[in-house]
Amino acid sequence: MLTEDGEKRASENGAIFLETSAKAGYNVKQLFKKIGNSLPGLSGEEEKAKQNASANAGRKTLCDYTKEQCADIS
C-alpha cells in the first residue's frame, strides 16, 4: 500500500496512520504515543507525567546510593 493511500483511508475512517516496522523498530514508539494521546480523558500534562514516571522507573537516585553506602558500613 502506498503511504498516500494509507493516509487517505485512515483519514476517511477517523483512524491513525503511521508507517512502522516492528522488525526495524521504526516508528513503533511514536505509534504507541499517538494511540495513547488519542485515548479519551488523557490530557497532555497527564501523559507527560506518565512518560516521565516510566522513564525514571528503576533509576537510582543519590539518596539510593547513600543508603547503600550506609548499609555497607553498618
N, C-alpha and C. Protein backbone atom coordinates (compact mmCIF):
# COMPACT_ATOMS: atom_id res chain seq x y z
N MET A 1 0.85 -1.18 0.00
CA MET A 1 0.00 0.00 0.00
C MET A 1 0.89 1.23 0.00
N LEU A 2 0.53 2.18 -0.80
CA LEU A 2 1.27 3.43 -0.84
C LEU A 2 0.92 4.26 0.40
N THR A 3 1.87 5.06 0.84
CA THR A 3 1.67 5.92 2.00
C THR A 3 0.45 6.81 1.82
N GLU A 4 0.33 7.40 0.64
CA GLU A 4 -0.78 8.30 0.38
C GLU A 4 -2.12 7.58 0.51
N ASP A 5 -2.20 6.33 0.03
CA ASP A 5 -3.43 5.55 0.13
C ASP A 5 -3.77 5.25 1.59
N GLY A 6 -2.76 4.89 2.36
CA GLY A 6 -2.97 4.61 3.77
C GLY A 6 -3.44 5.83 4.53
N GLU A 7 -2.81 6.97 4.26
CA GLU A 7 -3.21 8.22 4.90
C GLU A 7 -4.65 8.59 4.54
N LYS A 8 -5.00 8.40 3.26
CA LYS A 8 -6.35 8.73 2.81
C LYS A 8 -7.39 7.83 3.48
N ARG A 9 -7.13 6.53 3.51
CA ARG A 9 -8.07 5.60 4.14
C ARG A 9 -8.21 5.89 5.63
N ALA A 10 -7.10 6.16 6.29
CA ALA A 10 -7.15 6.47 7.72
C ALA A 10 -7.96 7.73 7.97
N SER A 11 -7.74 8.74 7.15
CA SER A 11 -8.47 10.00 7.29
C SER A 11 -9.96 9.80 7.07
N GLU A 12 -10.31 9.02 6.07
CA GLU A 12 -11.71 8.75 5.77
C GLU A 12 -12.42 8.00 6.89
N ASN A 13 -11.67 7.18 7.62
CA ASN A 13 -12.25 6.34 8.67
C ASN A 13 -11.96 6.83 10.08
N GLY A 14 -11.36 8.01 10.20
CA GLY A 14 -11.06 8.55 11.52
C GLY A 14 -10.04 7.72 12.29
N ALA A 15 -9.11 7.13 11.55
CA ALA A 15 -8.10 6.27 12.16
C ALA A 15 -6.72 6.93 12.13
N ILE A 16 -5.82 6.37 12.89
CA ILE A 16 -4.43 6.83 12.91
C ILE A 16 -3.66 6.09 11.83
N PHE A 17 -2.84 6.81 11.09
CA PHE A 17 -1.96 6.16 10.12
C PHE A 17 -0.54 6.59 10.39
N LEU A 18 0.33 5.61 10.50
CA LEU A 18 1.75 5.88 10.68
C LEU A 18 2.51 4.68 10.16
N GLU A 19 3.43 4.91 9.26
CA GLU A 19 4.24 3.80 8.75
C GLU A 19 5.17 3.32 9.86
N THR A 20 5.20 2.02 10.07
CA THR A 20 6.04 1.44 11.12
C THR A 20 6.73 0.19 10.62
N SER A 21 7.74 -0.22 11.36
CA SER A 21 8.38 -1.50 11.15
C SER A 21 8.78 -2.06 12.50
N ALA A 22 8.08 -3.09 12.94
CA ALA A 22 8.43 -3.73 14.20
C ALA A 22 9.80 -4.39 14.09
N LYS A 23 10.09 -4.92 12.93
CA LYS A 23 11.36 -5.61 12.70
C LYS A 23 12.55 -4.63 12.86
N ALA A 24 12.42 -3.46 12.26
CA ALA A 24 13.50 -2.47 12.32
C ALA A 24 13.33 -1.51 13.50
N GLY A 25 12.18 -1.57 14.17
CA GLY A 25 11.93 -0.67 15.29
C GLY A 25 11.61 0.75 14.85
N TYR A 26 11.17 0.91 13.62
CA TYR A 26 10.91 2.22 13.06
C TYR A 26 9.51 2.69 13.41
N ASN A 27 9.41 3.83 14.10
CA ASN A 27 8.15 4.49 14.44
C ASN A 27 7.24 3.71 15.39
N VAL A 28 7.74 2.67 16.02
CA VAL A 28 6.88 1.88 16.91
C VAL A 28 6.51 2.69 18.15
N LYS A 29 7.49 3.31 18.80
CA LYS A 29 7.20 4.12 19.98
C LYS A 29 6.29 5.29 19.64
N GLN A 30 6.54 5.91 18.49
CA GLN A 30 5.72 7.03 18.07
C GLN A 30 4.27 6.60 17.87
N LEU A 31 4.06 5.40 17.33
CA LEU A 31 2.70 4.90 17.14
C LEU A 31 1.99 4.72 18.47
N PHE A 32 2.67 4.11 19.43
CA PHE A 32 2.04 3.91 20.74
C PHE A 32 1.75 5.23 21.43
N LYS A 33 2.63 6.22 21.24
CA LYS A 33 2.39 7.54 21.81
C LYS A 33 1.15 8.17 21.18
N LYS A 34 1.03 8.04 19.84
CA LYS A 34 -0.14 8.59 19.16
C LYS A 34 -1.41 7.91 19.65
N ILE A 35 -1.37 6.61 19.81
CA ILE A 35 -2.54 5.88 20.30
C ILE A 35 -2.89 6.35 21.70
N GLY A 36 -1.89 6.44 22.57
CA GLY A 36 -2.13 6.89 23.93
C GLY A 36 -2.69 8.30 23.99
N ASN A 37 -2.17 9.18 23.16
CA ASN A 37 -2.65 10.56 23.16
C ASN A 37 -4.06 10.68 22.61
N SER A 38 -4.48 9.70 21.84
CA SER A 38 -5.83 9.75 21.27
C SER A 38 -6.90 9.18 22.22
N LEU A 39 -6.49 8.56 23.31
CA LEU A 39 -7.45 7.99 24.25
C LEU A 39 -8.20 9.10 24.97
N PRO A 40 -9.50 8.91 25.16
CA PRO A 40 -10.27 9.94 25.85
C PRO A 40 -9.86 10.06 27.32
N GLY A 41 -9.88 11.28 27.84
CA GLY A 41 -9.60 11.50 29.24
C GLY A 41 -8.14 11.73 29.57
N LEU A 42 -7.26 11.64 28.60
CA LEU A 42 -5.85 11.89 28.87
C LEU A 42 -5.48 13.26 28.32
N SER A 43 -5.10 14.15 29.21
CA SER A 43 -4.63 15.45 28.76
C SER A 43 -3.13 15.36 28.50
N GLY A 44 -2.60 16.36 27.88
CA GLY A 44 -1.17 16.37 27.59
C GLY A 44 -0.31 16.32 28.84
N GLU A 45 -0.74 17.01 29.90
CA GLU A 45 0.03 17.04 31.15
C GLU A 45 0.04 15.67 31.82
N GLU A 46 -1.09 14.99 31.82
CA GLU A 46 -1.16 13.65 32.41
C GLU A 46 -0.26 12.69 31.66
N GLU A 47 -0.27 12.80 30.34
CA GLU A 47 0.56 11.92 29.52
C GLU A 47 2.04 12.17 29.77
N LYS A 48 2.44 13.44 29.88
CA LYS A 48 3.84 13.77 30.16
C LYS A 48 4.27 13.22 31.51
N ALA A 49 3.41 13.32 32.51
CA ALA A 49 3.72 12.81 33.84
C ALA A 49 3.91 11.30 33.80
N LYS A 50 3.05 10.61 33.06
CA LYS A 50 3.17 9.16 32.94
C LYS A 50 4.45 8.77 32.22
N GLN A 51 4.79 9.50 31.16
CA GLN A 51 6.02 9.22 30.43
C GLN A 51 7.25 9.44 31.30
N ASN A 52 7.25 10.52 32.08
CA ASN A 52 8.38 10.79 32.98
C ASN A 52 8.51 9.72 34.04
N ALA A 53 7.39 9.28 34.59
CA ALA A 53 7.41 8.25 35.63
C ALA A 53 7.96 6.95 35.07
N SER A 54 7.53 6.58 33.88
CA SER A 54 8.01 5.32 33.30
C SER A 54 9.47 5.43 32.87
N ALA A 55 9.88 6.61 32.43
CA ALA A 55 11.27 6.81 32.02
C ALA A 55 12.21 6.72 33.23
N ASN A 56 11.74 7.15 34.39
CA ASN A 56 12.57 7.14 35.59
C ASN A 56 12.45 5.86 36.40
N ALA A 57 11.58 4.97 36.01
CA ALA A 57 11.39 3.71 36.76
C ALA A 57 12.70 2.91 36.75
N GLY A 58 13.10 2.47 37.91
CA GLY A 58 14.31 1.65 38.02
C GLY A 58 15.60 2.44 38.14
N ARG A 59 15.55 3.73 37.96
CA ARG A 59 16.75 4.56 38.10
C ARG A 59 17.01 4.83 39.57
N LYS A 60 18.27 4.83 39.92
CA LYS A 60 18.63 5.12 41.30
C LYS A 60 18.89 6.60 41.47
N THR A 61 18.53 7.10 42.64
CA THR A 61 18.79 8.50 42.96
C THR A 61 20.02 8.56 43.86
N LEU A 62 20.46 9.76 44.13
CA LEU A 62 21.60 9.95 45.03
C LEU A 62 21.26 9.38 46.40
N CYS A 63 20.02 9.54 46.82
CA CYS A 63 19.60 9.01 48.12
C CYS A 63 19.73 7.48 48.16
N ASP A 64 19.40 6.81 47.05
CA ASP A 64 19.53 5.36 47.00
C ASP A 64 20.98 4.94 47.18
N TYR A 65 21.89 5.63 46.50
CA TYR A 65 23.30 5.29 46.63
C TYR A 65 23.80 5.54 48.05
N THR A 66 23.37 6.61 48.67
CA THR A 66 23.78 6.93 50.03
C THR A 66 23.30 5.84 51.00
N LYS A 67 22.08 5.39 50.85
CA LYS A 67 21.55 4.34 51.70
C LYS A 67 22.36 3.05 51.54
N GLU A 68 22.74 2.72 50.31
CA GLU A 68 23.54 1.51 50.06
C GLU A 68 24.91 1.64 50.73
N GLN A 69 25.52 2.81 50.63
CA GLN A 69 26.82 3.00 51.25
C GLN A 69 26.71 2.89 52.76
N CYS A 70 25.68 3.45 53.34
CA CYS A 70 25.48 3.38 54.79
C CYS A 70 25.23 1.95 55.21
N ALA A 71 24.52 1.17 54.43
CA ALA A 71 24.26 -0.23 54.76
C ALA A 71 25.54 -1.04 54.73
N ASP A 72 26.46 -0.69 53.81
CA ASP A 72 27.73 -1.40 53.73
C ASP A 72 28.60 -1.13 54.95
N ILE A 73 28.48 0.04 55.54
CA ILE A 73 29.30 0.42 56.69
C ILE A 73 28.81 -0.27 57.96
N SER A 74 27.51 -0.41 58.12
CA SER A 74 26.99 -0.96 59.37
C SER A 74 27.03 -2.45 59.44
